[in-house]
Amino acid sequence: MTTSPNPPTERGTTWALTLLTLCSFTLGTGEIMIAGLLPDIAADAGVSLSTAGLLVSSFALTVVIGGPVLALTTGRARRRRLLVGLMIVYVLGNVVSAVAPSFWPLAGGRIIAALAHSALMPLFFGIAADIVPPHKRGMAVARVSLGFSLAMIAGLPIGTALGQWLDWRATFWAVAVLTLAITVPVAALAPDTAGISADEDQGRLKELKVLGDRRVQLVTGITALCAAASFTAYTYVTPLLTDAVGFGESAVTVLLLLFGIGGTVGNLIGGRLTDRSVLGAVSASVAALMVSLLLLGATTGLKYVAVGFLFLFGAAYYAVMPAVNTRLLNVASQQARTLALTVQSSAFNLGTALGGWLGGRVIAGGAGLRWLPVVGGAVALVALVFALGEAAGERRRTAAAEAAEEPAAQPAQARQMSEGAV
């Protein structure tokens, strides 16, 4: 990561971070907006709801595969040229989806957009870190991440409302136009410099050894399972709310907004819990996710009770994120901090793909929509078992380390006592 030779002023930095937040908001909206449009897309494309759910899985799997591959193969490309190229590809993917005459061209457009998405977010984080002093880089990266929360709170409801007002294609056009509009100003922020050197490129390949760490494998596994639990239900949240719970289409936008507000509250609570105990926060937030999903499935016949558990579902899922991210950075930081976010993103998107597929199998198997959160809750239970096991294992390792230190400390204490006696 190279510091800009002409760092911007404080006002310029604020504007630059705001623009990068808008970039992540656009990418986040483009990724999750499909959840609010799925029934309309399925009806227009003439496919089943479970088949339409493959749009979520294909996007997520492309990010899983494309992120690490592009990170390792584009490292030596010039930063500004790479950024502009990827932004144009993202625009192209959304345009292809908007004009697609049938389902499979639409899926192809989603894959094109996902490929660009997988490489753009690391670039945005890198730019944010370069335009601030080293001691403020964490804040800058967190500021860019805020765009994803805003996408859930505002982007998804607005995209759903736009699709219901005009047509689902209008939402894809809106994302394409917004991406095109921010391409020029964000490209001006990117340093027009070459990428990493050949030696640094080889060093990045060595970072892959971090994937062999058991603790990294466990926390990424928990992340993937939590995403799978959530997206088993969330991929089909619109038909779940309309057909199972009984709300009208006009209420879905408000309910999705409520889910997003719950996510913001949960993110703040999860962050505070993580500051107290990382593994404790992981276990507590995963348990809350499991309970909220199971109760949402159990109360679909009770409209306003279900709304309360929808809010809790959003809060619990977003409480998981700061806990698992902090755990991953703690266990991977000494080996490959730069690879940690890519690994976590891949785990999240792998879980998203699995959840979309699993929810589709539940529907295709003839089970009612209310079973989607129940199945998601069962997946969260598996994640909770792993989280509690890791917390117990960490306590044992800490106790063993402390016990090993005591015998070494005793001779030193004895010497001090004898010297005092002399």
Protein backbone atom coordinates (compact mmCIF):
# COMPACT_ATOMS: atom_id res chain seq x y z
CA MET A 1 0.00 0.00 0.00
CA THR A 2 1.52 3.30 -1.08
CA THR A 3 0.83 6.62 0.59
CA SER A 4 -0.25 9.36 -1.77
CA PRO A 5 2.58 11.89 -2.41
CA ASN A 6 0.07 14.75 -2.10
CA PRO A 7 -2.30 13.88 0.69
CA PRO A 8 -5.62 15.77 0.55
CA THR A 9 -6.66 18.40 3.06
CA GLU A 10 -9.03 17.48 5.88
CA ARG A 11 -11.99 18.72 3.84
CA GLY A 12 -10.70 16.85 0.80
CA THR A 13 -10.31 13.67 2.86
CA THR A 14 -13.89 13.95 4.12
CA TRP A 15 -15.15 14.33 0.55
CA ALA A 16 -13.00 11.44 -0.67
CA LEU A 17 -14.23 9.08 2.08
CA THR A 18 -17.83 10.13 1.42
CA LEU A 19 -17.36 9.29 -2.25
CA LEU A 20 -15.86 5.90 -1.39
CA THR A 21 -18.77 5.23 0.97
CA LEU A 22 -21.10 6.00 -1.94
CA CYS A 23 -19.12 3.51 -4.04
CA SER A 24 -19.56 0.73 -1.48
CA PHE A 25 -23.24 1.68 -1.11
CA THR A 26 -23.67 1.26 -4.87
CA LEU A 27 -21.92 -2.11 -4.92
CA GLY A 28 -23.81 -3.27 -1.83
CA THR A 29 -27.15 -2.25 -3.30
CA GLY A 30 -26.31 -3.97 -6.58
CA GLU A 31 -25.58 -7.18 -4.69
CA ILE A 32 -28.56 -7.40 -2.32
CA MET A 33 -31.31 -5.65 -4.33
CA ILE A 34 -32.22 -8.96 -5.96
CA ALA A 35 -33.90 -10.08 -2.73
CA GLY A 36 -36.65 -7.49 -3.16
CA LEU A 37 -37.14 -8.18 -6.88
CA LEU A 38 -37.11 -11.98 -6.95
CA PRO A 39 -40.87 -12.66 -7.35
CA ASP A 40 -41.21 -10.12 -10.20
CA ILE A 41 -38.11 -11.48 -11.96
CA ALA A 42 -39.33 -15.06 -11.64
CA ALA A 43 -42.75 -14.15 -13.05
CA ASP A 44 -41.32 -12.09 -15.92
CA ALA A 45 -38.66 -14.66 -16.83
CA GLY A 46 -41.10 -17.56 -16.56
CA VAL A 47 -39.05 -19.53 -14.03
CA SER A 48 -39.82 -20.88 -10.56
CA LEU A 49 -38.95 -18.90 -7.44
CA SER A 50 -36.27 -21.45 -6.52
CA THR A 51 -34.66 -21.09 -9.96
CA ALA A 52 -34.70 -17.31 -9.66
CA GLY A 53 -32.90 -17.73 -6.33
CA LEU A 54 -29.89 -18.97 -8.30
CA LEU A 55 -29.26 -15.31 -9.16
CA VAL A 56 -28.17 -14.84 -5.54
CA SER A 57 -26.07 -18.00 -5.45
CA SER A 58 -24.34 -17.36 -8.79
CA PHE A 59 -23.40 -13.80 -7.74
CA ALA A 60 -22.01 -14.99 -4.41
CA LEU A 61 -20.05 -17.90 -5.89
CA THR A 62 -18.50 -15.60 -8.47
CA VAL A 63 -17.27 -13.33 -5.68
CA VAL A 64 -15.94 -16.36 -3.77
CA ILE A 65 -13.87 -17.52 -6.73
CA GLY A 66 -13.21 -14.22 -8.45
CA GLY A 67 -12.02 -12.26 -5.38
CA PRO A 68 -8.93 -14.31 -4.53
CA VAL A 69 -8.12 -15.00 -8.19
CA LEU A 70 -8.25 -11.33 -9.21
CA ALA A 71 -6.40 -10.29 -6.04
CA LEU A 72 -3.52 -12.58 -6.98
CA THR A 73 -3.51 -11.90 -10.75
CA THR A 74 -4.06 -8.12 -10.96
CA GLY A 75 -1.65 -7.04 -8.24
CA ARG A 76 0.86 -5.65 -10.75
CA ALA A 77 -1.68 -3.68 -12.81
CA ARG A 78 -1.73 0.12 -12.63
CA ARG A 79 -4.21 1.11 -9.94
CA ARG A 80 -6.22 3.77 -11.78
CA ARG A 81 -6.49 1.79 -14.99
CA LEU A 82 -7.63 -1.28 -13.07
CA LEU A 83 -10.21 0.71 -11.11
CA VAL A 84 -11.76 2.32 -14.18
CA GLY A 85 -11.81 -0.98 -16.04
CA LEU A 86 -13.59 -2.76 -13.19
CA MET A 87 -16.14 0.04 -12.77
CA ILE A 88 -16.99 -0.18 -16.48
CA VAL A 89 -17.34 -3.95 -16.22
CA TYR A 90 -19.72 -3.47 -13.27
CA VAL A 91 -21.80 -1.04 -15.33
CA LEU A 92 -21.82 -3.51 -18.22
CA GLY A 93 -23.00 -6.37 -16.00
CA ASN A 94 -25.97 -4.36 -14.73
CA VAL A 95 -26.87 -3.18 -18.25
CA VAL A 96 -26.82 -6.79 -19.51
CA SER A 97 -29.17 -7.76 -16.68
CA ALA A 98 -31.47 -4.80 -17.38
CA VAL A 99 -31.92 -5.68 -21.09
CA ALA A 100 -31.82 -9.48 -20.72
CA PRO A 101 -34.64 -11.09 -22.74
CA SER A 102 -34.70 -14.23 -20.58
CA PHE A 103 -33.39 -15.72 -17.36
CA TRP A 104 -29.99 -17.04 -18.41
CA PRO A 105 -28.73 -13.78 -20.02
CA LEU A 106 -29.86 -12.09 -16.80
CA ALA A 107 -27.79 -14.59 -14.81
CA GLY A 108 -24.84 -13.87 -17.11
CA GLY A 109 -25.11 -10.16 -16.36
CA ARG A 110 -25.12 -10.89 -12.64
CA ILE A 111 -21.95 -12.96 -12.99
CA ILE A 112 -20.22 -10.15 -14.92
CA ALA A 113 -21.17 -7.64 -12.22
CA ALA A 114 -20.08 -10.01 -9.44
CA LEU A 115 -16.66 -10.47 -11.01
CA ALA A 116 -16.04 -6.72 -10.96
CA HIS A 117 -17.54 -6.44 -7.48
CA SER A 118 -15.10 -9.02 -6.09
CA ALA A 119 -12.07 -6.88 -7.00
CA LEU A 120 -13.46 -3.37 -6.50
CA MET A 121 -13.99 -3.44 -2.73
CA PRO A 122 -10.30 -4.18 -1.92
CA LEU A 123 -9.38 -1.26 -4.19
CA PHE A 124 -11.78 1.07 -2.38
CA PHE A 125 -10.35 0.00 0.99
CA GLY A 126 -6.82 0.54 -0.32
CA ILE A 127 -7.59 4.05 -1.58
CA ALA A 128 -9.23 4.95 1.74
CA ALA A 129 -6.18 3.78 3.66
CA ASP A 130 -3.82 5.73 1.38
CA ILE A 131 -5.50 9.12 1.76
CA VAL A 132 -5.33 9.27 5.57
CA PRO A 133 -2.44 9.10 8.06
CA PRO A 134 -1.47 5.57 9.16
CA HIS A 135 -3.08 5.96 12.59
CA LYS A 136 -6.47 6.73 10.98
CA ARG A 137 -6.55 3.88 8.48
CA GLY A 138 -8.88 1.73 10.59
CA MET A 139 -11.40 4.57 10.76
CA ALA A 140 -11.16 5.13 7.01
CA VAL A 141 -11.77 1.47 6.18
CA ALA A 142 -14.72 1.40 8.62
CA ARG A 143 -16.14 4.50 6.92
CA VAL A 144 -16.08 2.76 3.53
CA SER A 145 -17.69 -0.34 5.07
CA LEU A 146 -20.56 1.88 6.22
CA GLY A 147 -21.77 1.90 2.61
CA PHE A 148 -22.82 -1.74 2.92
CA SER A 149 -24.93 -1.00 5.99
CA LEU A 150 -26.55 1.90 4.17
CA ALA A 151 -27.26 -0.40 1.24
CA MET A 152 -29.26 -2.64 3.56
CA ILE A 153 -31.05 0.25 5.26
CA ALA A 154 -31.77 2.41 2.21
CA GLY A 155 -30.53 0.76 -0.99
CA LEU A 156 -32.62 -2.40 -0.74
CA PRO A 157 -35.93 -0.70 0.16
CA ILE A 158 -35.44 2.01 -2.49
CA GLY A 159 -34.48 -0.57 -5.11
CA THR A 160 -37.53 -2.67 -4.22
CA ALA A 161 -39.83 0.35 -4.35
CA LEU A 162 -38.38 1.43 -7.72
CA GLY A 163 -38.88 -2.07 -9.11
CA GLN A 164 -42.50 -2.14 -7.91
CA TRP A 165 -43.22 1.38 -9.18
CA LEU A 166 -41.68 1.01 -12.64
CA ASP A 167 -40.24 -2.42 -13.39
CA TRP A 168 -37.52 -4.64 -11.92
CA ARG A 169 -35.28 -3.65 -14.86
CA ALA A 170 -35.37 -0.03 -13.69
CA THR A 171 -33.42 -0.97 -10.56
CA PHE A 172 -30.58 -2.45 -12.63
CA TRP A 173 -30.55 0.67 -14.80
CA ALA A 174 -30.38 2.86 -11.69
CA VAL A 175 -27.36 0.98 -10.31
CA ALA A 176 -25.64 1.16 -13.72
CA VAL A 177 -26.21 4.93 -14.03
CA LEU A 178 -25.06 5.61 -10.45
CA THR A 179 -21.91 3.52 -10.99
CA LEU A 180 -21.14 5.39 -14.20
CA ALA A 181 -21.67 8.74 -12.48
CA ILE A 182 -19.14 8.02 -9.71
CA THR A 183 -16.51 6.40 -11.94
CA VAL A 184 -14.77 9.63 -12.97
CA PRO A 185 -14.53 11.25 -9.50
CA VAL A 186 -13.44 8.03 -7.77
CA ALA A 187 -10.85 7.36 -10.48
CA ALA A 188 -9.33 10.76 -9.70
CA LEU A 189 -8.70 9.53 -6.14
CA ALA A 190 -6.80 6.45 -7.27
CA PRO A 191 -3.02 6.99 -7.59
CA ASP A 192 -1.85 6.58 -11.17
CA THR A 193 0.91 4.24 -10.08
CA ALA A 194 2.01 0.75 -10.92
CA GLY A 195 0.89 -2.14 -8.74
CA ILE A 196 3.11 -4.22 -6.53
CA SER A 197 6.54 -5.43 -7.64
CA ALA A 198 7.35 -8.96 -8.72
CA ASP A 199 8.96 -9.67 -5.32
CA GLU A 200 5.86 -8.40 -3.48
CA ASP A 201 3.69 -10.51 -5.77
CA GLN A 202 5.59 -13.63 -4.71
CA GLY A 203 5.21 -12.59 -1.07
CA ARG A 204 1.45 -12.41 -1.47
CA LEU A 205 1.40 -15.97 -2.72
CA LYS A 206 3.15 -17.05 0.48
CA GLU A 207 0.36 -15.42 2.50
CA LEU A 208 -1.92 -18.23 1.38
CA LYS A 209 -0.34 -20.34 4.12
CA VAL A 210 -2.70 -18.58 6.53
CA LEU A 211 -5.51 -20.73 5.14
CA GLY A 212 -3.94 -23.73 6.88
CA ASP A 213 -4.43 -22.18 10.34
CA ARG A 214 -7.15 -24.09 12.17
CA ARG A 215 -8.45 -20.97 13.92
CA VAL A 216 -8.79 -19.15 10.59
CA GLN A 217 -10.61 -22.12 9.12
CA LEU A 218 -12.98 -22.22 12.08
CA VAL A 219 -13.93 -18.54 12.10
CA THR A 220 -14.41 -18.46 8.34
CA GLY A 221 -16.53 -21.60 8.66
CA ILE A 222 -18.70 -19.90 11.30
CA THR A 223 -19.02 -16.87 9.03
CA ALA A 224 -20.10 -19.02 6.10
CA LEU A 225 -22.64 -20.92 8.22
CA CYS A 226 -24.14 -17.71 9.60
CA ALA A 227 -24.47 -16.27 6.09
CA ALA A 228 -26.04 -19.54 4.91
CA ALA A 229 -28.49 -19.50 7.83
CA SER A 230 -29.48 -15.91 7.10
CA PHE A 231 -29.80 -16.15 3.33
CA THR A 232 -31.79 -19.37 3.45
CA ALA A 233 -34.60 -17.06 4.60
CA TYR A 234 -33.47 -13.64 3.37
CA THR A 235 -33.09 -14.62 -0.29
CA TYR A 236 -36.86 -15.20 -0.35
CA VAL A 237 -37.82 -12.51 2.15
CA THR A 238 -40.35 -10.81 -0.16
CA PRO A 239 -42.53 -13.89 -0.79
CA LEU A 240 -42.01 -14.89 2.85
CA LEU A 241 -43.51 -11.59 4.00
CA THR A 242 -46.31 -11.50 1.43
CA ASP A 243 -47.37 -15.13 1.02
CA ALA A 244 -46.49 -16.60 4.44
CA VAL A 245 -46.88 -13.67 6.85
CA GLY A 246 -49.66 -11.99 4.85
CA PHE A 247 -48.46 -8.45 4.18
CA GLY A 248 -49.22 -6.63 0.93
CA GLU A 249 -46.46 -5.72 -1.53
CA SER A 250 -46.63 -2.07 -0.53
CA ALA A 251 -45.62 -2.99 3.03
CA VAL A 252 -42.50 -4.91 1.98
CA THR A 253 -40.42 -1.75 1.46
CA VAL A 254 -41.16 -0.58 5.02
CA LEU A 255 -40.43 -4.03 6.44
CA LEU A 256 -37.09 -4.23 4.62
CA LEU A 257 -36.25 -0.81 6.02
CA LEU A 258 -37.10 -2.13 9.50
CA PHE A 259 -34.78 -5.10 8.91
CA GLY A 260 -32.01 -2.68 7.94
CA ILE A 261 -32.56 -0.55 11.04
CA GLY A 262 -32.34 -3.70 13.11
CA GLY A 263 -29.06 -4.46 11.37
CA THR A 264 -27.64 -1.06 12.32
CA VAL A 265 -28.65 -1.51 15.96
CA GLY A 266 -27.21 -5.02 15.99
CA ASN A 267 -23.95 -3.86 14.47
CA LEU A 268 -23.47 -1.30 17.24
CA ILE A 269 -24.34 -3.81 19.97
CA GLY A 270 -22.12 -6.45 18.39
CA GLY A 271 -19.21 -4.01 18.29
CA ARG A 272 -19.55 -3.23 22.00
CA LEU A 273 -19.84 -6.89 22.94
CA THR A 274 -16.76 -7.65 20.83
CA ASP A 275 -14.73 -5.04 22.73
CA ARG A 276 -15.54 -6.93 25.94
CA SER A 277 -15.00 -10.49 24.70
CA VAL A 278 -14.48 -11.47 21.07
CA LEU A 279 -15.40 -15.14 21.35
CA GLY A 280 -18.17 -14.33 23.82
CA ALA A 281 -19.64 -11.93 21.26
CA VAL A 282 -19.36 -14.56 18.52
CA SER A 283 -21.27 -17.11 20.62
CA ALA A 284 -23.92 -14.65 21.83
CA SER A 285 -24.63 -13.18 18.38
CA VAL A 286 -24.82 -16.58 16.68
CA ALA A 287 -27.21 -17.78 19.42
CA ALA A 288 -29.39 -14.69 18.86
CA LEU A 289 -29.39 -15.39 15.11
CA MET A 290 -30.53 -18.97 15.69
CA VAL A 291 -33.32 -17.95 18.10
CA SER A 292 -34.59 -15.12 15.88
CA LEU A 293 -34.82 -17.36 12.80
CA LEU A 294 -36.58 -20.17 14.64
CA LEU A 295 -39.09 -17.78 16.22
CA LEU A 296 -39.67 -15.99 12.91
CA GLY A 297 -40.59 -19.32 11.35
CA ALA A 298 -42.82 -20.21 14.29
CA THR A 299 -44.78 -16.93 14.22
CA THR A 300 -45.44 -16.38 10.50
CA GLY A 301 -49.16 -16.64 11.23
CA LEU A 302 -48.95 -13.75 13.71
CA LYS A 303 -48.24 -10.67 11.60
CA TYR A 304 -46.92 -8.17 14.07
CA VAL A 305 -45.15 -10.69 16.26
CA ALA A 306 -43.31 -11.87 13.14
CA VAL A 307 -42.32 -8.27 12.43
CA GLY A 308 -40.62 -8.12 15.81
CA PHE A 309 -38.60 -11.23 15.06
CA LEU A 310 -37.75 -9.87 11.59
CA PHE A 311 -36.20 -6.87 13.36
CA LEU A 312 -34.36 -9.20 15.77
CA PHE A 313 -33.17 -11.28 12.79
CA GLY A 314 -31.57 -8.19 11.22
CA ALA A 315 -30.02 -7.15 14.53
CA ALA A 316 -28.61 -10.61 15.26
CA TYR A 317 -27.12 -11.15 11.82
CA TYR A 318 -25.33 -7.80 11.81
CA ALA A 319 -24.13 -8.34 15.38
CA VAL A 320 -22.28 -11.42 14.11
CA MET A 321 -20.21 -9.40 11.61
CA PRO A 322 -17.96 -7.31 13.91
CA ALA A 323 -17.38 -10.32 16.15
CA VAL A 324 -16.23 -12.74 13.44
CA ASN A 325 -14.25 -10.05 11.59
CA THR A 326 -12.36 -9.11 14.75
CA ARG A 327 -11.69 -12.76 15.57
CA LEU A 328 -10.31 -13.34 12.07
CA LEU A 329 -8.03 -10.33 12.23
CA ASN A 330 -6.81 -11.38 15.68
CA VAL A 331 -5.82 -14.88 14.61
CA ALA A 332 -4.53 -13.98 11.13
CA SER A 333 -2.90 -10.62 11.72
CA GLN A 334 0.60 -11.90 12.39
CA GLN A 335 0.63 -14.01 9.24
CA ALA A 336 -1.47 -12.32 6.58
CA ARG A 337 -3.57 -9.36 7.69
CA THR A 338 -3.94 -8.20 4.07
CA LEU A 339 -5.47 -11.52 3.06
CA ALA A 340 -7.91 -11.66 5.99
CA LEU A 341 -10.64 -9.48 4.46
CA THR A 342 -10.52 -11.42 1.19
CA VAL A 343 -10.88 -14.72 3.04
CA GLN A 344 -13.76 -13.37 5.11
CA SER A 345 -15.53 -11.96 2.04
CA SER A 346 -15.21 -15.32 0.30
CA ALA A 347 -16.62 -17.10 3.36
CA PHE A 348 -19.55 -14.72 3.54
CA ASN A 349 -20.38 -15.07 -0.15
CA LEU A 350 -19.96 -18.84 -0.05
CA GLY A 351 -22.51 -18.92 2.76
CA THR A 352 -24.79 -16.59 0.79
CA ALA A 353 -24.65 -18.95 -2.19
CA LEU A 354 -25.31 -21.97 0.02
CA GLY A 355 -28.24 -20.23 1.71
CA GLY A 356 -29.85 -19.24 -1.59
CA TRP A 357 -29.46 -22.79 -2.87
CA LEU A 358 -30.74 -24.36 0.36
CA GLY A 359 -33.79 -22.10 0.46
CA GLY A 360 -34.53 -23.01 -3.14
CA ARG A 361 -34.38 -26.72 -2.28
CA VAL A 362 -36.81 -26.17 0.59
CA ILE A 363 -39.29 -24.47 -1.74
CA ALA A 364 -38.79 -26.95 -4.58
CA GLY A 365 -39.35 -29.80 -2.13
CA GLY A 366 -42.86 -28.54 -1.45
CA ALA A 367 -42.31 -27.20 2.08
CA GLY A 368 -44.07 -23.93 2.93
CA LEU A 369 -42.21 -20.62 2.93
CA ARG A 370 -42.43 -20.47 6.73
CA TRP A 371 -39.95 -23.36 6.87
CA LEU A 372 -37.21 -21.20 5.34
CA PRO A 373 -36.27 -19.42 8.61
CA VAL A 374 -36.64 -22.70 10.52
CA VAL A 375 -34.10 -24.41 8.26
CA GLY A 376 -31.91 -21.30 8.57
CA GLY A 377 -32.15 -21.58 12.35
CA ALA A 378 -30.97 -25.19 12.15
CA VAL A 379 -27.91 -24.08 10.17
CA ALA A 380 -27.24 -21.38 12.77
CA LEU A 381 -27.35 -24.07 15.44
CA VAL A 382 -24.43 -25.81 13.72
CA ALA A 383 -22.53 -22.51 13.72
CA LEU A 384 -23.29 -22.08 17.43
CA VAL A 385 -21.85 -25.51 18.24
CA PHE A 386 -18.58 -24.54 16.53
CA ALA A 387 -18.54 -21.12 18.22
CA LEU A 388 -19.06 -22.58 21.71
CA GLY A 389 -16.45 -25.26 21.03
CA GLU A 390 -13.89 -22.66 19.99
CA ALA A 391 -14.65 -20.52 23.05
CA ALA A 392 -14.17 -23.52 25.33
CA GLY A 393 -10.97 -24.49 23.52
CA GLU A 394 -9.61 -20.96 23.88
CA ARG A 395 -10.26 -21.03 27.62
CA ARG A 396 -8.42 -24.35 27.90
CA ARG A 397 -5.46 -23.03 25.90
CA THR A 398 -5.31 -19.89 28.03
CA ALA A 399 -5.46 -21.90 31.26
CA ALA A 400 -2.73 -24.26 30.01
CA ALA A 401 -0.50 -21.33 29.05
CA GLU A 402 -0.94 -19.74 32.46
CA ALA A 403 -0.20 -23.04 34.19
CA ALA A 404 2.97 -23.45 32.13
CA GLU A 405 4.16 -19.98 33.16
CA GLU A 406 3.75 -20.59 36.90
CA PRO A 407 6.58 -23.15 37.34
CA ALA A 408 8.93 -20.84 35.47
CA ALA A 409 7.96 -17.95 37.72
CA GLN A 410 8.49 -19.89 40.99
CA PRO A 411 12.34 -20.20 40.81
CA ALA A 412 12.57 -16.48 40.14
CA GLN A 413 10.39 -15.72 43.16
CA ALA A 414 12.50 -18.08 45.31
CA ARG A 415 15.69 -16.30 44.26
CA GLN A 416 14.19 -12.93 45.15
CA MET A 417 13.19 -14.23 48.58
CA SER A 418 16.67 -15.66 49.28
CA GLU A 419 18.35 -12.46 48.14
CA GLY A 420 16.03 -10.50 50.44
CA ALA A 421 16.98 -12.79 53.33
CA VAL A 422 20.69 -12.20 52.70
